């Protein structure tokens, strides 16, 4: 999988819309359901007193391991996390 450098630039409206579409598609009662919640969730991850492993916060993002998304492609998975 090709590496895409992460930018410090704010997300564009199109990028925010795409994130929201994915959150809408994969949401459930226990998952992060919108971009504002995602922002707070990720801020808590990076500012907490201890680092978390990807598998732990990734599962929490989607409401548990049983709700992990089935991405159409590795590219979609990578775009979401980039």
PDB file of N, CA and C in Angstrom:
ATOM      1  N   UNK A   1       0.847  -1.164   0.000  1.00  0.00           N
ATOM      2  CA  UNK A   1       0.000   0.000   0.000  1.00  0.00           C
ATOM      3  C   UNK A   1       0.893   1.227   0.000  1.00  0.00           C
ATOM      4  N   UNK A   2       0.613   2.190  -0.834  1.00  0.00           N
ATOM      5  CA  UNK A   2       1.419   3.399  -0.940  1.00  0.00           C
ATOM      6  C   UNK A   2       1.189   4.294   0.270  1.00  0.00           C
ATOM      7  N   UNK A   3       2.245   4.946   0.706  1.00  0.00           N
ATOM      8  CA  UNK A   3       2.167   5.865   1.826  1.00  0.00           C
ATOM      9  C   UNK A   3       1.774   7.247   1.326  1.00  0.00           C
ATOM     10  N   UNK A   4       0.780   7.832   1.942  1.00  0.00           N
ATOM     11  CA  UNK A   4       0.379   9.193   1.635  1.00  0.00           C
ATOM     12  C   UNK A   4       0.747  10.064   2.822  1.00  0.00           C
ATOM     13  N   UNK A   5       1.603  11.075   2.604  1.00  0.00           N
ATOM     14  CA  UNK A   5       1.979  11.921   3.739  1.00  0.00           C
ATOM     15  C   UNK A   5       0.760  12.615   4.341  1.00  0.00           C
ATOM     16  N   UNK A   6       0.745  12.702   5.645  1.00  0.00           N
ATOM     17  CA  UNK A   6      -0.342  13.381   6.342  1.00  0.00           C
ATOM     18  C   UNK A   6      -0.050  14.875   6.325  1.00  0.00           C
ATOM     19  N   UNK A   7      -1.047  15.654   6.039  1.00  0.00           N
ATOM     20  CA  UNK A   7      -0.915  17.101   5.942  1.00  0.00           C
ATOM     21  C   UNK A   7      -1.353  17.761   7.247  1.00  0.00           C
ATOM     22  N   UNK A   8      -0.785  18.890   7.541  1.00  0.00           N
ATOM     23  CA  UNK A   8      -1.218  19.698   8.676  1.00  0.00           C
ATOM     24  C   UNK A   8      -2.296  20.701   8.272  1.00  0.00           C
ATOM     25  N   UNK A   9      -2.642  20.722   6.999  1.00  0.00           N
ATOM     26  CA  UNK A   9      -3.656  21.650   6.508  1.00  0.00           C
ATOM     27  C   UNK A   9      -5.039  21.205   6.983  1.00  0.00           C
ATOM     28  N   UNK A  10      -5.931  22.167   7.222  1.00  0.00           N
ATOM     29  CA  UNK A  10      -7.308  21.793   7.584  1.00  0.00           C
ATOM     30  C   UNK A  10      -7.942  20.959   6.470  1.00  0.00           C
ATOM     31  N   UNK A  11      -8.868  20.109   6.854  1.00  0.00           N
ATOM     32  CA  UNK A  11      -9.585  19.315   5.854  1.00  0.00           C
ATOM     33  C   UNK A  11     -10.474  20.224   5.016  1.00  0.00           C
ATOM     34  N   UNK A  12     -10.607  19.856   3.771  1.00  0.00           N
ATOM     35  CA  UNK A  12     -11.489  20.606   2.880  1.00  0.00           C
ATOM     36  C   UNK A  12     -12.941  20.199   3.147  1.00  0.00           C
ATOM     37  N   UNK A  13     -13.868  20.990   2.629  1.00  0.00           N
ATOM     38  CA  UNK A  13     -15.282  20.631   2.766  1.00  0.00           C
ATOM     39  C   UNK A  13     -15.560  19.275   2.133  1.00  0.00           C
ATOM     40  N   UNK A  14     -14.939  18.986   1.011  1.00  0.00           N
ATOM     41  CA  UNK A  14     -15.136  17.695   0.341  1.00  0.00           C
ATOM     42  C   UNK A  14     -14.614  16.556   1.214  1.00  0.00           C
ATOM     43  N   UNK A  15     -13.463  16.740   1.858  1.00  0.00           N
ATOM     44  CA  UNK A  15     -12.922  15.710   2.735  1.00  0.00           C
ATOM     45  C   UNK A  15     -13.819  15.489   3.948  1.00  0.00           C
ATOM     46  N   UNK A  16     -14.328  16.565   4.521  1.00  0.00           N
ATOM     47  CA  UNK A  16     -15.246  16.449   5.658  1.00  0.00           C
ATOM     48  C   UNK A  16     -16.528  15.731   5.251  1.00  0.00           C
ATOM     49  N   UNK A  17     -17.034  16.051   4.064  1.00  0.00           N
ATOM     50  CA  UNK A  17     -18.242  15.375   3.562  1.00  0.00           C
ATOM     51  C   UNK A  17     -18.001  13.881   3.376  1.00  0.00           C
ATOM     52  N   UNK A  18     -16.835  13.523   2.847  1.00  0.00           N
ATOM     53  CA  UNK A  18     -16.497  12.115   2.649  1.00  0.00           C
ATOM     54  C   UNK A  18     -16.403  11.395   3.987  1.00  0.00           C
ATOM     55  N   UNK A  19     -15.759  12.018   4.972  1.00  0.00           N
ATOM     56  CA  UNK A  19     -15.693  11.423   6.311  1.00  0.00           C
ATOM     57  C   UNK A  19     -17.093  11.189   6.867  1.00  0.00           C
ATOM     58  N   UNK A  20     -17.956  12.191   6.723  1.00  0.00           N
ATOM     59  CA  UNK A  20     -19.311  12.053   7.243  1.00  0.00           C
ATOM     60  C   UNK A  20     -20.072  10.935   6.536  1.00  0.00           C
ATOM     61  N   UNK A  21     -19.870  10.806   5.241  1.00  0.00           N
ATOM     62  CA  UNK A  21     -20.524   9.715   4.502  1.00  0.00           C
ATOM     63  C   UNK A  21     -20.099   8.357   5.045  1.00  0.00           C
ATOM     64  N   UNK A  22     -18.800   8.188   5.299  1.00  0.00           N
ATOM     65  CA  UNK A  22     -18.328   6.914   5.845  1.00  0.00           C
ATOM     66  C   UNK A  22     -18.862   6.687   7.255  1.00  0.00           C
ATOM     67  N   UNK A  23     -18.861   7.736   8.079  1.00  0.00           N
ATOM     68  CA  UNK A  23     -19.407   7.587   9.430  1.00  0.00           C
ATOM     69  C   UNK A  23     -20.885   7.219   9.367  1.00  0.00           C
ATOM     70  N   UNK A  24     -21.639   7.860   8.471  1.00  0.00           N
ATOM     71  CA  UNK A  24     -23.061   7.528   8.309  1.00  0.00           C
ATOM     72  C   UNK A  24     -23.239   6.075   7.876  1.00  0.00           C
ATOM     73  N   UNK A  25     -22.419   5.655   6.937  1.00  0.00           N
ATOM     74  CA  UNK A  25     -22.544   4.304   6.384  1.00  0.00           C
ATOM     75  C   UNK A  25     -22.267   3.219   7.437  1.00  0.00           C
ATOM     76  N   UNK A  26     -21.265   3.446   8.275  1.00  0.00           N
ATOM     77  CA  UNK A  26     -20.838   2.410   9.221  1.00  0.00           C
ATOM     78  C   UNK A  26     -21.315   2.650  10.653  1.00  0.00           C
ATOM     79  N   UNK A  27     -22.132   3.665  10.877  1.00  0.00           N
ATOM     80  CA  UNK A  27     -22.507   4.014  12.249  1.00  0.00           C
ATOM     81  C   UNK A  27     -23.463   2.997  12.867  1.00  0.00           C
ATOM     82  N   UNK A  28     -23.442   2.988  14.192  1.00  0.00           N
ATOM     83  CA  UNK A  28     -24.385   2.223  14.991  1.00  0.00           C
ATOM     84  C   UNK A  28     -24.590   3.003  16.287  1.00  0.00           C
ATOM     85  N   UNK A  29     -25.401   2.509  17.186  1.00  0.00           N
ATOM     86  CA  UNK A  29     -25.721   3.245  18.411  1.00  0.00           C
ATOM     87  C   UNK A  29     -24.502   3.521  19.290  1.00  0.00           C
ATOM     88  N   UNK A  30     -23.440   2.739  19.158  1.00  0.00           N
ATOM     89  CA  UNK A  30     -22.270   2.881  20.024  1.00  0.00           C
ATOM     90  C   UNK A  30     -21.062   3.499  19.341  1.00  0.00           C
ATOM     91  N   UNK A  31     -21.179   3.832  18.076  1.00  0.00           N
ATOM     92  CA  UNK A  31     -20.033   4.348  17.329  1.00  0.00           C
ATOM     93  C   UNK A  31     -20.003   5.874  17.328  1.00  0.00           C
ATOM     94  N   UNK A  32     -18.863   6.418  16.903  1.00  0.00           N
ATOM     95  CA  UNK A  32     -18.768   7.842  16.604  1.00  0.00           C
ATOM     96  C   UNK A  32     -19.642   8.077  15.376  1.00  0.00           C
ATOM     97  N   UNK A  33     -20.537   9.071  15.454  1.00  0.00           N
ATOM     98  CA  UNK A  33     -21.534   9.199  14.401  1.00  0.00           C
ATOM     99  C   UNK A  33     -21.403  10.429  13.522  1.00  0.00           C
ATOM    100  N   UNK A  34     -20.555  11.384  13.907  1.00  0.00           N
ATOM    101  CA  UNK A  34     -20.397  12.549  13.043  1.00  0.00           C
ATOM    102  C   UNK A  34     -18.991  13.119  13.175  1.00  0.00           C
ATOM    103  N   UNK A  35     -18.662  14.037  12.302  1.00  0.00           N
ATOM    104  CA  UNK A  35     -17.309  14.589  12.238  1.00  0.00           C
ATOM    105  C   UNK A  35     -16.949  15.318  13.532  1.00  0.00           C
ATOM    106  N   UNK A  36     -17.914  15.983  14.153  1.00  0.00           N
ATOM    107  CA  UNK A  36     -17.636  16.667  15.423  1.00  0.00           C
ATOM    108  C   UNK A  36     -17.266  15.664  16.510  1.00  0.00           C
ATOM    109  N   UNK A  37     -18.000  14.567  16.589  1.00  0.00           N
ATOM    110  CA  UNK A  37     -17.660  13.521  17.552  1.00  0.00           C
ATOM    111  C   UNK A  37     -16.293  12.921  17.234  1.00  0.00           C
ATOM    112  N   UNK A  38     -16.005  12.725  15.952  1.00  0.00           N
ATOM    113  CA  UNK A  38     -14.718  12.180  15.542  1.00  0.00           C
ATOM    114  C   UNK A  38     -13.584  13.102  15.987  1.00  0.00           C
ATOM    115  N   UNK A  39     -13.768  14.404  15.819  1.00  0.00           N
ATOM    116  CA  UNK A  39     -12.772  15.378  16.243  1.00  0.00           C
ATOM    117  C   UNK A  39     -12.503  15.252  17.744  1.00  0.00           C
ATOM    118  N   UNK A  40     -13.546  15.207  18.542  1.00  0.00           N
ATOM    119  CA  UNK A  40     -13.388  15.061  19.989  1.00  0.00           C
ATOM    120  C   UNK A  40     -12.771  13.728  20.375  1.00  0.00           C
ATOM    121  N   UNK A  41     -13.189  12.670  19.701  1.00  0.00           N
ATOM    122  CA  UNK A  41     -12.665  11.333  19.963  1.00  0.00           C
ATOM    123  C   UNK A  41     -11.161  11.296  19.716  1.00  0.00           C
ATOM    124  N   UNK A  42     -10.733  11.822  18.568  1.00  0.00           N
ATOM    125  CA  UNK A  42      -9.306  11.800  18.228  1.00  0.00           C
ATOM    126  C   UNK A  42      -8.508  12.745  19.125  1.00  0.00           C
ATOM    127  N   UNK A  43      -9.096  13.872  19.512  1.00  0.00           N
ATOM    128  CA  UNK A  43      -8.413  14.786  20.441  1.00  0.00           C
ATOM    129  C   UNK A  43      -8.178  14.086  21.779  1.00  0.00           C
ATOM    130  N   UNK A  44      -9.155  13.328  22.241  1.00  0.00           N
ATOM    131  CA  UNK A  44      -8.994  12.589  23.493  1.00  0.00           C
ATOM    132  C   UNK A  44      -7.917  11.514  23.373  1.00  0.00           C
ATOM    133  N   UNK A  45      -7.851  10.866  22.234  1.00  0.00           N
ATOM    134  CA  UNK A  45      -6.839   9.823  22.008  1.00  0.00           C
ATOM    135  C   UNK A  45      -5.432  10.408  22.123  1.00  0.00           C
ATOM    136  N   UNK A  46      -5.197  11.525  21.450  1.00  0.00           N
ATOM    137  CA  UNK A  46      -3.842  12.077  21.419  1.00  0.00           C
ATOM    138  C   UNK A  46      -3.483  12.860  22.670  1.00  0.00           C
ATOM    139  N   UNK A  47      -4.463  13.279  23.454  1.00  0.00           N
ATOM    140  CA  UNK A  47      -4.149  14.083  24.631  1.00  0.00           C
ATOM    141  C   UNK A  47      -4.254  13.315  25.938  1.00  0.00           C
ATOM    142  N   UNK A  48      -4.631  12.061  25.872  1.00  0.00           N
ATOM    143  CA  UNK A  48      -4.743  11.256  27.081  1.00  0.00           C
ATOM    144  C   UNK A  48      -3.392  10.993  27.730  1.00  0.00           C
ATOM    145  N   UNK A  49      -3.410  10.599  28.989  1.00  0.00           N
ATOM    146  CA  UNK A  49      -2.155  10.390  29.717  1.00  0.00           C
ATOM    147  C   UNK A  49      -1.349   9.186  29.240  1.00  0.00           C
ATOM    148  N   UNK A  50      -1.995   8.249  28.580  1.00  0.00           N
ATOM    149  CA  UNK A  50      -1.304   7.064  28.074  1.00  0.00           C
ATOM    150  C   UNK A  50      -1.672   6.870  26.606  1.00  0.00           C
ATOM    151  N   UNK A  51      -0.704   6.407  25.841  1.00  0.00           N
ATOM    152  CA  UNK A  51      -0.977   6.097  24.453  1.00  0.00           C
ATOM    153  C   UNK A  51      -1.853   4.863  24.329  1.00  0.00           C
ATOM    154  N   UNK A  52      -2.634   4.823  23.284  1.00  0.00           N
ATOM    155  CA  UNK A  52      -3.485   3.665  23.012  1.00  0.00           C
ATOM    156  C   UNK A  52      -3.025   2.998  21.729  1.00  0.00           C
ATOM    157  N   UNK A  53      -3.136   1.712  21.702  1.00  0.00           N
ATOM    158  CA  UNK A  53      -2.833   0.950  20.503  1.00  0.00           C
ATOM    159  C   UNK A  53      -3.941   1.183  19.469  1.00  0.00           C
ATOM    160  N   UNK A  54      -3.561   1.175  18.208  1.00  0.00           N
ATOM    161  CA  UNK A  54      -4.519   1.379  17.122  1.00  0.00           C
ATOM    162  C   UNK A  54      -5.713   0.446  17.254  1.00  0.00           C
ATOM    163  N   UNK A  55      -5.480  -0.826  17.482  1.00  0.00           N
ATOM    164  CA  UNK A  55      -6.593  -1.787  17.542  1.00  0.00           C
ATOM    165  C   UNK A  55      -7.606  -1.427  18.621  1.00  0.00           C
ATOM    166  N   UNK A  56      -7.142  -0.831  19.717  1.00  0.00           N
ATOM    167  CA  UNK A  56      -8.048  -0.472  20.805  1.00  0.00           C
ATOM    168  C   UNK A  56      -8.934   0.718  20.437  1.00  0.00           C
ATOM    169  N   UNK A  57      -8.312   1.808  19.967  1.00  0.00           N
ATOM    170  CA  UNK A  57      -9.146   2.972  19.666  1.00  0.00           C
ATOM    171  C   UNK A  57      -9.917   2.790  18.362  1.00  0.00           C
ATOM    172  N   UNK A  58      -9.376   2.009  17.442  1.00  0.00           N
ATOM    173  CA  UNK A  58     -10.079   1.739  16.186  1.00  0.00           C
ATOM    174  C   UNK A  58     -11.390   1.005  16.470  1.00  0.00           C
ATOM    175  N   UNK A  59     -11.349   0.013  17.329  1.00  0.00           N
ATOM    176  CA  UNK A  59     -12.570  -0.716  17.691  1.00  0.00           C
ATOM    177  C   UNK A  59     -13.561   0.207  18.410  1.00  0.00           C
ATOM    178  N   UNK A  60     -13.069   1.044  19.301  1.00  0.00           N
ATOM    179  CA  UNK A  60     -13.950   1.965  20.034  1.00  0.00           C
ATOM    180  C   UNK A  60     -14.616   2.962  19.089  1.00  0.00           C
ATOM    181  N   UNK A  61     -13.892   3.418  18.096  1.00  0.00           N
ATOM    182  CA  UNK A  61     -14.428   4.357  17.119  1.00  0.00           C
ATOM    183  C   UNK A  61     -15.701   3.812  16.474  1.00  0.00           C
ATOM    184  N   UNK A  62     -15.703   2.519  16.189  1.00  0.00           N
ATOM    185  CA  UNK A  62     -16.830   1.914  15.472  1.00  0.00           C
ATOM    186  C   UNK A  62     -17.830   1.227  16.397  1.00  0.00           C
ATOM    187  N   UNK A  63     -17.650   1.338  17.702  1.00  0.00           N
ATOM    188  CA  UNK A  63     -18.620   0.769  18.631  1.00  0.00           C
ATOM    189  C   UNK A  63     -18.318  -0.656  19.039  1.00  0.00           C
ATOM    190  N   UNK A  64     -17.103  -1.110  18.841  1.00  0.00           N
ATOM    191  CA  UNK A  64     -16.696  -2.453  19.239  1.00  0.00           C
ATOM    192  C   UNK A  64     -16.187  -3.269  18.065  1.00  0.00           C
ATOM    193  N   UNK A  65     -15.438  -4.292  18.397  1.00  0.00           N
ATOM    194  CA  UNK A  65     -14.820  -5.148  17.379  1.00  0.00           C
ATOM    195  C   UNK A  65     -15.871  -5.744  16.445  1.00  0.00           C
ATOM    196  N   UNK A  66     -17.026  -6.048  16.982  1.00  0.00           N
ATOM    197  CA  UNK A  66     -18.071  -6.673  16.156  1.00  0.00           C
ATOM    198  C   UNK A  66     -18.651  -5.719  15.102  1.00  0.00           C
ATOM    199  N   UNK A  67     -18.325  -4.424  15.217  1.00  0.00           N
ATOM    200  CA  UNK A  67     -18.847  -3.438  14.271  1.00  0.00           C
ATOM    201  C   UNK A  67     -17.783  -2.852  13.345  1.00  0.00           C
ATOM    202  N   UNK A  68     -16.600  -3.434  13.321  1.00  0.00           N
ATOM    203  CA  UNK A  68     -15.551  -2.909  12.448  1.00  0.00           C
ATOM    204  C   UNK A  68     -16.045  -2.901  11.005  1.00  0.00           C
ATOM    205  N   UNK A  69     -15.790  -1.812  10.288  1.00  0.00           N
ATOM    206  CA  UNK A  69     -16.282  -1.704   8.912  1.00  0.00           C
ATOM    207  C   UNK A  69     -15.663  -2.721   7.971  1.00  0.00           C
ATOM    208  N   UNK A  70     -16.428  -3.078   7.003  1.00  0.00           N
ATOM    209  CA  UNK A  70     -15.939  -3.895   5.891  1.00  0.00           C
ATOM    210  C   UNK A  70     -15.721  -2.922   4.729  1.00  0.00           C
ATOM    211  N   UNK A  71     -14.503  -2.425   4.610  1.00  0.00           N
ATOM    212  CA  UNK A  71     -14.186  -1.433   3.584  1.00  0.00           C
ATOM    213  C   UNK A  71     -14.229  -2.083   2.200  1.00  0.00           C
ATOM    214  N   UNK A  72     -14.686  -1.337   1.206  1.00  0.00           N
ATOM    215  CA  UNK A  72     -14.740  -1.844  -0.164  1.00  0.00           C
ATOM    216  C   UNK A  72     -13.343  -2.100  -0.707  1.00  0.00           C
ATOM    217  N   UNK A  73     -12.378  -1.320  -0.222  1.00  0.00           N
ATOM    218  CA  UNK A  73     -11.009  -1.474  -0.710  1.00  0.00           C
ATOM    219  C   UNK A  73     -10.026  -0.975   0.345  1.00  0.00           C
ATOM    220  N   UNK A  74      -8.786  -1.392   0.203  1.00  0.00           N
ATOM    221  CA  UNK A  74      -7.726  -0.885   1.070  1.00  0.00           C
ATOM    222  C   UNK A  74      -7.570   0.622   0.878  1.00  0.00           C
ATOM    223  N   UNK A  75      -7.826   1.081  -0.330  1.00  0.00           N
ATOM    224  CA  UNK A  75      -7.717   2.516  -0.626  1.00  0.00           C
ATOM    225  C   UNK A  75      -8.712   3.318   0.206  1.00  0.00           C
ATOM    226  N   UNK A  76      -9.957   2.857   0.327  1.00  0.00           N
ATOM    227  CA  UNK A  76     -10.942   3.556   1.145  1.00  0.00           C
ATOM    228  C   UNK A  76     -10.522   3.577   2.604  1.00  0.00           C
ATOM    229  N   UNK A  77     -10.048   2.453   3.109  1.00  0.00           N
ATOM    230  CA  UNK A  77      -9.545   2.386   4.484  1.00  0.00           C
ATOM    231  C   UNK A  77      -8.435   3.411   4.673  1.00  0.00           C
ATOM    232  N   UNK A  78      -7.483   3.445   3.766  1.00  0.00           N
ATOM    233  CA  UNK A  78      -6.354   4.355   3.867  1.00  0.00           C
ATOM    234  C   UNK A  78      -6.798   5.805   3.766  1.00  0.00           C
ATOM    235  N   UNK A  79      -7.719   6.093   2.880  1.00  0.00           N
ATOM    236  CA  UNK A  79      -8.222   7.482   2.735  1.00  0.00           C
ATOM    237  C   UNK A  79      -8.900   7.940   4.006  1.00  0.00           C
ATOM    238  N   UNK A  80      -9.672   7.074   4.640  1.00  0.00           N
ATOM    239  CA  UNK A  80     -10.346   7.448   5.877  1.00  0.00           C
ATOM    240  C   UNK A  80      -9.317   7.837   6.941  1.00  0.00           C
ATOM    241  N   UNK A  81      -8.287   7.038   7.078  1.00  0.00           N
ATOM    242  CA  UNK A  81      -7.320   7.284   8.147  1.00  0.00           C
ATOM    243  C   UNK A  81      -6.267   8.328   7.791  1.00  0.00           C
ATOM    244  N   UNK A  82      -6.065   8.578   6.517  1.00  0.00           N
ATOM    245  CA  UNK A  82      -5.151   9.665   6.133  1.00  0.00           C
ATOM    246  C   UNK A  82      -5.796  10.999   6.408  1.00  0.00           C
TER     247      UNK A  82
END
